[in-house]
Amino acid sequence: MRRLYVIGIGAGDPEHLTVQAINRLNEVDVFFVLDKGKEKADLVRLRHEILDRYVTRPYRLAEARDPERDRTPADYEAEVKAWHGRRVDVYQGLITGELRENEVGAFLVWGDPALYDSTITLLNAVQERGIAFDYTVIPGVSSVSVLAAQHRTTFNRIGTAVQITTGRRLADGWPDGAADVLVMLDAHCTFTRFTGEDMDIFWGAYLGTPDELVVSGRLADVAEEIVALRSQARERKGWIMDTYLLRRN
């Protein structure tokens, strides 16, 4: 039986890896790496750095190009489903073409595999096609955990609820019953819609990496600074991964 690990590798700092993750890395025969193009070469480079630092046994690398998708589709859900279908094809090809019987393979997942990552969903879809393998998920340090740590704050306050959502969902309005909202995957600085309200923001980009940026303060006071900083960083690096906590006062 082929076996796989889905290993959370943290938000960017190689020291985010848990002891469990390092132990599982040293059981792997082949690591699967998805190339996301030149703009995101840093993401592949970090994975190589992690392997160089922690793996002490021989291993193979199997690389494939991550399929492109339309970032501004007319039908978002339909486009994501079609993209996932293309990614399932890639995952199936890697598993059947590169992982031999009785070997162990691994996907190294940014942050934590349970939080806005599709690897588990894609592997389940490969299994539904009749491809036989077993897999185990190793949790990792998420970007929202690093965000809270860098700002020395918490996700929630006493007796209040916190919600994790996306910029796309936040654009539909503030979540009911939430006093604190953690926002991921926001390409449009949706927080600017709330500058007229009494809120604080805790923002971070490239968390855990040498390029890390963090800003916090009253939303109305720092929103423009974050928008400018984000734009400059994206232009400089070609990509950006950021997240933020909005807190109603």
C-alpha atoms as a PDB file:
ATOM      1  CA  MET A   1       0.000   0.000   0.000  1.00  0.00           C
ATOM      2  CA  ARG A   2       1.260   3.432  -0.900  1.00  0.00           C
ATOM      3  CA  ARG A   3       1.324   5.854   2.037  1.00  0.00           C
ATOM      4  CA  LEU A   4       1.309   9.638   2.101  1.00  0.00           C
ATOM      5  CA  TYR A   5       1.877  12.380   4.637  1.00  0.00           C
ATOM      6  CA  VAL A   6       0.281  15.808   4.363  1.00  0.00           C
ATOM      7  CA  ILE A   7       2.669  17.852   6.480  1.00  0.00           C
ATOM      8  CA  GLY A   8       1.958  21.382   7.702  1.00  0.00           C
ATOM      9  CA  ILE A   9       5.221  23.308   7.490  1.00  0.00           C
ATOM     10  CA  GLY A  10       4.187  26.599   9.086  1.00  0.00           C
ATOM     11  CA  ALA A  11       3.795  30.109   7.756  1.00  0.00           C
ATOM     12  CA  GLY A  12       7.325  30.706   6.512  1.00  0.00           C
ATOM     13  CA  ASP A  13       9.886  30.176   9.265  1.00  0.00           C
ATOM     14  CA  PRO A  14      11.585  26.747   9.033  1.00  0.00           C
ATOM     15  CA  GLU A  15      11.569  26.690  12.837  1.00  0.00           C
ATOM     16  CA  HIS A  16       7.761  26.490  12.761  1.00  0.00           C
ATOM     17  CA  LEU A  17       8.027  22.761  12.065  1.00  0.00           C
ATOM     18  CA  THR A  18       6.926  20.557  14.937  1.00  0.00           C
ATOM     19  CA  VAL A  19       8.933  17.600  16.224  1.00  0.00           C
ATOM     20  CA  GLN A  20       6.212  15.362  14.802  1.00  0.00           C
ATOM     21  CA  ALA A  21       6.603  16.955  11.364  1.00  0.00           C
ATOM     22  CA  ILE A  22      10.395  16.541  11.399  1.00  0.00           C
ATOM     23  CA  ASN A  23      10.052  12.878  12.396  1.00  0.00           C
ATOM     24  CA  ARG A  24       7.609  12.234   9.570  1.00  0.00           C
ATOM     25  CA  LEU A  25       9.855  14.026   7.054  1.00  0.00           C
ATOM     26  CA  ASN A  26      12.491  11.420   7.813  1.00  0.00           C
ATOM     27  CA  GLU A  27      10.176   8.573   6.812  1.00  0.00           C
ATOM     28  CA  VAL A  28       9.526   9.913   3.317  1.00  0.00           C
ATOM     29  CA  ASP A  29      10.878   8.415   0.098  1.00  0.00           C
ATOM     30  CA  VAL A  30       9.538  11.028  -2.335  1.00  0.00           C
ATOM     31  CA  PHE A  31       8.426  14.613  -1.767  1.00  0.00           C
ATOM     32  CA  PHE A  32       5.905  16.130  -4.177  1.00  0.00           C
ATOM     33  CA  VAL A  33       6.501  19.778  -5.065  1.00  0.00           C
ATOM     34  CA  LEU A  34       4.091  21.935  -7.069  1.00  0.00           C
ATOM     35  CA  ASP A  35       5.724  24.678  -9.103  1.00  0.00           C
ATOM     36  CA  LYS A  36       3.614  27.852  -9.013  1.00  0.00           C
ATOM     37  CA  GLY A  37       5.815  29.805 -11.422  1.00  0.00           C
ATOM     38  CA  LYS A  38       8.652  32.312 -11.099  1.00  0.00           C
ATOM     39  CA  GLU A  39       6.631  34.801  -9.056  1.00  0.00           C
ATOM     40  CA  LYS A  40       6.181  32.273  -6.240  1.00  0.00           C
ATOM     41  CA  ALA A  41       9.576  30.596  -6.461  1.00  0.00           C
ATOM     42  CA  ASP A  42      10.130  31.611  -2.828  1.00  0.00           C
ATOM     43  CA  LEU A  43       7.511  29.056  -1.770  1.00  0.00           C
ATOM     44  CA  VAL A  44       9.403  26.228  -3.480  1.00  0.00           C
ATOM     45  CA  ARG A  45      12.722  27.508  -2.173  1.00  0.00           C
ATOM     46  CA  LEU A  46      11.475  27.356   1.424  1.00  0.00           C
ATOM     47  CA  ARG A  47      10.451  23.728   0.958  1.00  0.00           C
ATOM     48  CA  HIS A  48      13.960  22.898  -0.286  1.00  0.00           C
ATOM     49  CA  GLU A  49      15.442  24.726   2.705  1.00  0.00           C
ATOM     50  CA  ILE A  50      13.294  22.675   5.078  1.00  0.00           C
ATOM     51  CA  LEU A  51      14.369  19.405   3.462  1.00  0.00           C
ATOM     52  CA  ASP A  52      18.041  20.414   3.514  1.00  0.00           C
ATOM     53  CA  ARG A  53      17.811  21.362   7.174  1.00  0.00           C
ATOM     54  CA  TYR A  54      15.821  18.477   8.615  1.00  0.00           C
ATOM     55  CA  VAL A  55      15.952  15.381   6.400  1.00  0.00           C
ATOM     56  CA  THR A  56      18.876  13.053   7.080  1.00  0.00           C
ATOM     57  CA  ARG A  57      17.949  10.123   4.798  1.00  0.00           C
ATOM     58  CA  PRO A  58      17.997   9.776   0.999  1.00  0.00           C
ATOM     59  CA  TYR A  59      14.861  10.982  -0.792  1.00  0.00           C
ATOM     60  CA  ARG A  60      13.554  11.878  -4.232  1.00  0.00           C
ATOM     61  CA  LEU A  61      11.781  15.011  -5.469  1.00  0.00           C
ATOM     62  CA  ALA A  62       8.874  14.835  -7.902  1.00  0.00           C
ATOM     63  CA  GLU A  63       7.847  18.201  -9.324  1.00  0.00           C
ATOM     64  CA  ALA A  64       4.790  19.205 -11.333  1.00  0.00           C
ATOM     65  CA  ARG A  65       3.354  22.505 -12.504  1.00  0.00           C
ATOM     66  CA  ASP A  66       0.363  23.715 -10.533  1.00  0.00           C
ATOM     67  CA  PRO A  67      -2.473  24.462 -13.011  1.00  0.00           C
ATOM     68  CA  GLU A  68      -3.336  28.100 -13.610  1.00  0.00           C
ATOM     69  CA  ARG A  69      -6.788  29.512 -12.895  1.00  0.00           C
ATOM     70  CA  ASP A  70      -8.749  32.661 -13.660  1.00  0.00           C
ATOM     71  CA  ARG A  71      -8.437  34.988 -10.659  1.00  0.00           C
ATOM     72  CA  THR A  72     -11.381  37.188 -11.687  1.00  0.00           C
ATOM     73  CA  PRO A  73     -13.983  34.761 -13.067  1.00  0.00           C
ATOM     74  CA  ALA A  74     -17.632  35.558 -13.669  1.00  0.00           C
ATOM     75  CA  ASP A  75     -18.559  32.427 -11.686  1.00  0.00           C
ATOM     76  CA  TYR A  76     -16.066  31.987  -8.835  1.00  0.00           C
ATOM     77  CA  GLU A  77     -17.318  28.639  -7.527  1.00  0.00           C
ATOM     78  CA  ALA A  78     -17.475  27.078 -11.003  1.00  0.00           C
ATOM     79  CA  GLU A  79     -13.942  28.232 -11.788  1.00  0.00           C
ATOM     80  CA  VAL A  80     -12.552  26.870  -8.510  1.00  0.00           C
ATOM     81  CA  LYS A  81     -14.269  23.513  -9.080  1.00  0.00           C
ATOM     82  CA  ALA A  82     -12.810  23.285 -12.588  1.00  0.00           C
ATOM     83  CA  TRP A  83      -9.368  24.236 -11.250  1.00  0.00           C
ATOM     84  CA  HIS A  84      -9.621  21.602  -8.540  1.00  0.00           C
ATOM     85  CA  GLY A  85     -10.417  19.041 -11.226  1.00  0.00           C
ATOM     86  CA  ARG A  86      -7.208  19.915 -13.061  1.00  0.00           C
ATOM     87  CA  ARG A  87      -5.267  19.725  -9.796  1.00  0.00           C
ATOM     88  CA  VAL A  88      -6.720  16.296  -9.018  1.00  0.00           C
ATOM     89  CA  ASP A  89      -5.304  15.133 -12.357  1.00  0.00           C
ATOM     90  CA  VAL A  90      -1.871  16.429 -11.328  1.00  0.00           C
ATOM     91  CA  TYR A  91      -2.024  14.803  -7.889  1.00  0.00           C
ATOM     92  CA  GLN A  92      -3.139  11.499  -9.365  1.00  0.00           C
ATOM     93  CA  GLY A  93      -0.277  11.603 -11.868  1.00  0.00           C
ATOM     94  CA  LEU A  94       2.270  12.243  -9.123  1.00  0.00           C
ATOM     95  CA  ILE A  95       0.978   9.453  -6.898  1.00  0.00           C
ATOM     96  CA  THR A  96       0.631   6.812  -9.606  1.00  0.00           C
ATOM     97  CA  GLY A  97       3.716   7.836 -11.568  1.00  0.00           C
ATOM     98  CA  GLU A  98       6.218   8.652  -8.838  1.00  0.00           C
ATOM     99  CA  LEU A  99       5.222   6.695  -5.714  1.00  0.00           C
ATOM    100  CA  ARG A 100       6.075   3.018  -5.782  1.00  0.00           C
ATOM    101  CA  GLU A 101       4.285   0.304  -3.842  1.00  0.00           C
ATOM    102  CA  ASN A 102       5.210   0.314  -0.136  1.00  0.00           C
ATOM    103  CA  GLU A 103       6.856   3.741  -0.438  1.00  0.00           C
ATOM    104  CA  VAL A 104       5.996   6.880   1.502  1.00  0.00           C
ATOM    105  CA  GLY A 105       5.309  10.200  -0.210  1.00  0.00           C
ATOM    106  CA  ALA A 106       4.596  13.650   1.195  1.00  0.00           C
ATOM    107  CA  PHE A 107       3.052  16.972   0.316  1.00  0.00           C
ATOM    108  CA  LEU A 108       4.456  19.912   2.280  1.00  0.00           C
ATOM    109  CA  VAL A 109       1.611  22.305   2.994  1.00  0.00           C
ATOM    110  CA  TRP A 110       2.045  25.984   3.823  1.00  0.00           C
ATOM    111  CA  GLY A 111       0.598  26.773   7.255  1.00  0.00           C
ATOM    112  CA  ASP A 112      -1.864  24.154   8.497  1.00  0.00           C
ATOM    113  CA  PRO A 113      -3.538  21.694   6.079  1.00  0.00           C
ATOM    114  CA  ALA A 114      -6.952  22.234   7.704  1.00  0.00           C
ATOM    115  CA  LEU A 115      -7.135  25.986   7.083  1.00  0.00           C
ATOM    116  CA  TYR A 116      -7.885  27.267   3.568  1.00  0.00           C
ATOM    117  CA  ASP A 117      -5.782  24.621   1.831  1.00  0.00           C
ATOM    118  CA  SER A 118      -7.148  22.141  -0.701  1.00  0.00           C
ATOM    119  CA  THR A 119      -4.642  19.270  -0.375  1.00  0.00           C
ATOM    120  CA  ILE A 120      -6.900  17.065   1.765  1.00  0.00           C
ATOM    121  CA  THR A 121      -9.874  17.681  -0.546  1.00  0.00           C
ATOM    122  CA  LEU A 122      -7.788  16.825  -3.619  1.00  0.00           C
ATOM    123  CA  LEU A 123      -6.391  13.617  -2.115  1.00  0.00           C
ATOM    124  CA  ASN A 124      -9.899  12.493  -1.194  1.00  0.00           C
ATOM    125  CA  ALA A 125     -10.934  13.117  -4.807  1.00  0.00           C
ATOM    126  CA  VAL A 126      -8.006  10.992  -6.062  1.00  0.00           C
ATOM    127  CA  GLN A 127      -9.102   8.153  -3.767  1.00  0.00           C
ATOM    128  CA  GLU A 128     -12.661   8.457  -5.111  1.00  0.00           C
ATOM    129  CA  ARG A 129     -11.230   7.668  -8.555  1.00  0.00           C
ATOM    130  CA  GLY A 130     -10.169   4.266  -7.233  1.00  0.00           C
ATOM    131  CA  ILE A 131      -6.479   5.036  -6.638  1.00  0.00           C
ATOM    132  CA  ALA A 132      -5.362   3.049  -3.590  1.00  0.00           C
ATOM    133  CA  PHE A 133      -3.279   4.793  -0.932  1.00  0.00           C
ATOM    134  CA  ASP A 134      -3.544   5.830   2.697  1.00  0.00           C
ATOM    135  CA  TYR A 135      -2.577   9.215   4.103  1.00  0.00           C
ATOM    136  CA  THR A 136      -1.964  10.919   7.443  1.00  0.00           C
ATOM    137  CA  VAL A 137      -2.237  14.650   8.182  1.00  0.00           C
ATOM    138  CA  ILE A 138       0.386  16.379  10.331  1.00  0.00           C
ATOM    139  CA  PRO A 139      -0.840  19.767  11.653  1.00  0.00           C
ATOM    140  CA  GLY A 140       1.265  22.885  11.264  1.00  0.00           C
ATOM    141  CA  VAL A 141       1.558  26.439  12.582  1.00  0.00           C
ATOM    142  CA  SER A 142      -0.969  28.592  10.726  1.00  0.00           C
ATOM    143  CA  SER A 143      -0.459  32.143   9.523  1.00  0.00           C
ATOM    144  CA  VAL A 144      -3.206  33.361  11.860  1.00  0.00           C
ATOM    145  CA  SER A 145      -1.346  31.830  14.812  1.00  0.00           C
ATOM    146  CA  VAL A 146       1.816  33.663  13.768  1.00  0.00           C
ATOM    147  CA  LEU A 147      -0.158  36.877  13.257  1.00  0.00           C
ATOM    148  CA  ALA A 148      -1.487  36.782  16.814  1.00  0.00           C
ATOM    149  CA  ALA A 149       1.939  35.951  18.217  1.00  0.00           C
ATOM    150  CA  GLN A 150       3.711  38.761  16.352  1.00  0.00           C
ATOM    151  CA  HIS A 151       1.146  41.294  17.556  1.00  0.00           C
ATOM    152  CA  ARG A 152       1.089  39.801  21.080  1.00  0.00           C
ATOM    153  CA  THR A 153      -2.691  39.506  21.014  1.00  0.00           C
ATOM    154  CA  THR A 154      -5.348  36.784  21.057  1.00  0.00           C
ATOM    155  CA  PHE A 155      -7.962  35.693  18.534  1.00  0.00           C
ATOM    156  CA  ASN A 156     -10.838  36.553  20.862  1.00  0.00           C
ATOM    157  CA  ARG A 157     -11.627  38.386  24.066  1.00  0.00           C
ATOM    158  CA  ILE A 158     -13.381  37.061  27.179  1.00  0.00           C
ATOM    159  CA  GLY A 159     -16.743  35.551  26.319  1.00  0.00           C
ATOM    160  CA  THR A 160     -16.696  36.686  22.673  1.00  0.00           C
ATOM    161  CA  ALA A 161     -16.756  34.747  19.409  1.00  0.00           C
ATOM    162  CA  VAL A 162     -14.122  34.842  16.693  1.00  0.00           C
ATOM    163  CA  GLN A 163     -14.656  33.935  13.053  1.00  0.00           C
ATOM    164  CA  ILE A 164     -12.127  33.028  10.369  1.00  0.00           C
ATOM    165  CA  THR A 165     -13.289  34.036   6.917  1.00  0.00           C
ATOM    166  CA  THR A 166     -12.110  35.266   3.529  1.00  0.00           C
ATOM    167  CA  GLY A 167     -11.996  38.715   2.010  1.00  0.00           C
ATOM    168  CA  ARG A 168     -14.639  37.603  -0.487  1.00  0.00           C
ATOM    169  CA  ARG A 169     -17.039  36.680   2.325  1.00  0.00           C
ATOM    170  CA  LEU A 170     -16.235  39.782   4.377  1.00  0.00           C
ATOM    171  CA  ALA A 171     -17.216  41.901   1.372  1.00  0.00           C
ATOM    172  CA  ASP A 172     -20.770  40.617   1.882  1.00  0.00           C
ATOM    173  CA  GLY A 173     -20.869  42.162   5.357  1.00  0.00           C
ATOM    174  CA  TRP A 174     -19.671  41.732   8.917  1.00  0.00           C
ATOM    175  CA  PRO A 175     -20.340  38.184  10.235  1.00  0.00           C
ATOM    176  CA  ASP A 176     -23.273  37.969  12.648  1.00  0.00           C
ATOM    177  CA  GLY A 177     -22.311  37.480  16.276  1.00  0.00           C
ATOM    178  CA  ALA A 178     -18.560  37.977  15.762  1.00  0.00           C
ATOM    179  CA  ALA A 179     -16.627  40.620  17.671  1.00  0.00           C
ATOM    180  CA  ASP A 180     -13.272  39.574  16.215  1.00  0.00           C
ATOM    181  CA  VAL A 181     -12.779  38.460  12.601  1.00  0.00           C
ATOM    182  CA  LEU A 182      -9.655  36.859  11.147  1.00  0.00           C
ATOM    183  CA  VAL A 183      -9.464  37.427   7.398  1.00  0.00           C
ATOM    184  CA  MET A 184      -7.463  35.390   4.882  1.00  0.00           C
ATOM    185  CA  LEU A 185      -7.230  35.380   1.085  1.00  0.00           C
ATOM    186  CA  ASP A 186      -8.131  39.046   0.714  1.00  0.00           C
ATOM    187  CA  ALA A 187      -6.729  40.448  -2.528  1.00  0.00           C
ATOM    188  CA  HIS A 188      -8.821  43.618  -2.399  1.00  0.00           C
ATOM    189  CA  CYS A 189      -8.141  45.158   1.035  1.00  0.00           C
ATOM    190  CA  THR A 190     -11.745  44.634   2.101  1.00  0.00           C
ATOM    191  CA  PHE A 191     -10.957  46.122   5.518  1.00  0.00           C
ATOM    192  CA  THR A 192     -11.142  49.583   3.910  1.00  0.00           C
ATOM    193  CA  ARG A 193     -14.934  49.200   3.827  1.00  0.00           C
ATOM    194  CA  PHE A 194     -15.007  49.444   7.630  1.00  0.00           C
ATOM    195  CA  THR A 195     -12.852  52.519   8.254  1.00  0.00           C
ATOM    196  CA  GLY A 196     -15.926  54.454   9.387  1.00  0.00           C
ATOM    197  CA  GLU A 197     -16.418  52.079  12.317  1.00  0.00           C
ATOM    198  CA  ASP A 198     -14.597  51.941  15.637  1.00  0.00           C
ATOM    199  CA  MET A 199     -12.232  49.030  14.947  1.00  0.00           C
ATOM    200  CA  ASP A 200      -8.644  47.982  15.417  1.00  0.00           C
ATOM    201  CA  ILE A 201      -6.658  45.999  12.862  1.00  0.00           C
ATOM    202  CA  PHE A 202      -3.700  43.646  13.308  1.00  0.00           C
ATOM    203  CA  TRP A 203      -2.206  43.004   9.864  1.00  0.00           C
ATOM    204  CA  GLY A 204       0.717  40.911   8.665  1.00  0.00           C
ATOM    205  CA  ALA A 205       2.275  39.773   5.399  1.00  0.00           C
ATOM    206  CA  TYR A 206       4.988  37.175   4.622  1.00  0.00           C
ATOM    207  CA  LEU A 207       4.665  36.127   8.249  1.00  0.00           C
ATOM    208  CA  GLY A 208       7.610  34.161   9.582  1.00  0.00           C
ATOM    209  CA  THR A 209       9.864  35.058   6.652  1.00  0.00           C
ATOM    210  CA  PRO A 210      12.706  37.606   6.358  1.00  0.00           C
ATOM    211  CA  ASP A 211      10.274  39.821   4.377  1.00  0.00           C
ATOM    212  CA  GLU A 212       7.704  39.914   7.190  1.00  0.00           C
ATOM    213  CA  LEU A 213       5.610  43.080   7.495  1.00  0.00           C
ATOM    214  CA  VAL A 214       3.299  43.888  10.424  1.00  0.00           C
ATOM    215  CA  VAL A 215       1.094  46.911  11.158  1.00  0.00           C
ATOM    216  CA  SER A 216      -1.468  47.429  13.906  1.00  0.00           C
ATOM    217  CA  GLY A 217      -3.596  50.275  15.212  1.00  0.00           C
ATOM    218  CA  ARG A 218      -6.962  51.946  14.883  1.00  0.00           C
ATOM    219  CA  LEU A 219      -8.304  50.925  11.467  1.00  0.00           C
ATOM    220  CA  ALA A 220      -9.159  54.453  10.362  1.00  0.00           C
ATOM    221  CA  ASP A 221      -5.606  55.588  11.183  1.00  0.00           C
ATOM    222  CA  VAL A 222      -3.581  52.805   9.515  1.00  0.00           C
ATOM    223  CA  ALA A 223      -5.753  51.527   6.642  1.00  0.00           C
ATOM    224  CA  GLU A 224      -4.094  53.720   3.997  1.00  0.00           C
ATOM    225  CA  GLU A 225      -0.638  52.767   5.268  1.00  0.00           C
ATOM    226  CA  ILE A 226      -1.462  49.065   4.945  1.00  0.00           C
ATOM    227  CA  VAL A 227      -2.890  49.489   1.436  1.00  0.00           C
ATOM    228  CA  ALA A 228       0.265  51.314   0.294  1.00  0.00           C
ATOM    229  CA  LEU A 229       2.623  48.887   2.034  1.00  0.00           C
ATOM    230  CA  ARG A 230       0.801  45.910   0.560  1.00  0.00           C
ATOM    231  CA  SER A 231       0.901  47.346  -2.959  1.00  0.00           C
ATOM    232  CA  GLN A 232       4.618  48.132  -2.750  1.00  0.00           C
ATOM    233  CA  ALA A 233       5.432  44.675  -1.397  1.00  0.00           C
ATOM    234  CA  ARG A 234       3.440  42.887  -4.075  1.00  0.00           C
ATOM    235  CA  GLU A 235       5.081  44.917  -6.821  1.00  0.00           C
ATOM    236  CA  ARG A 236       8.522  44.212  -5.383  1.00  0.00           C
ATOM    237  CA  LYS A 237       8.112  40.455  -4.909  1.00  0.00           C
ATOM    238  CA  GLY A 238       5.455  39.628  -7.499  1.00  0.00           C
ATOM    239  CA  TRP A 239       3.180  37.958  -4.921  1.00  0.00           C
ATOM    240  CA  ILE A 240       1.873  38.508  -1.434  1.00  0.00           C
ATOM    241  CA  MET A 241       0.302  36.400   1.299  1.00  0.00           C
ATOM    242  CA  ASP A 242      -1.213  38.425   4.107  1.00  0.00           C
ATOM    243  CA  THR A 243      -3.845  38.070   6.798  1.00  0.00           C
ATOM    244  CA  TYR A 244      -5.362  40.298   9.412  1.00  0.00           C
ATOM    245  CA  LEU A 245      -7.532  40.469  12.507  1.00  0.00           C
ATOM    246  CA  LEU A 246     -10.313  43.069  12.703  1.00  0.00           C
ATOM    247  CA  ARG A 247     -11.523  43.844  16.220  1.00  0.00           C
ATOM    248  CA  ARG A 248     -14.638  45.842  17.017  1.00  0.00           C
ATOM    249  CA  ASN A 249     -14.313  48.135  20.030  1.00  0.00           C
END
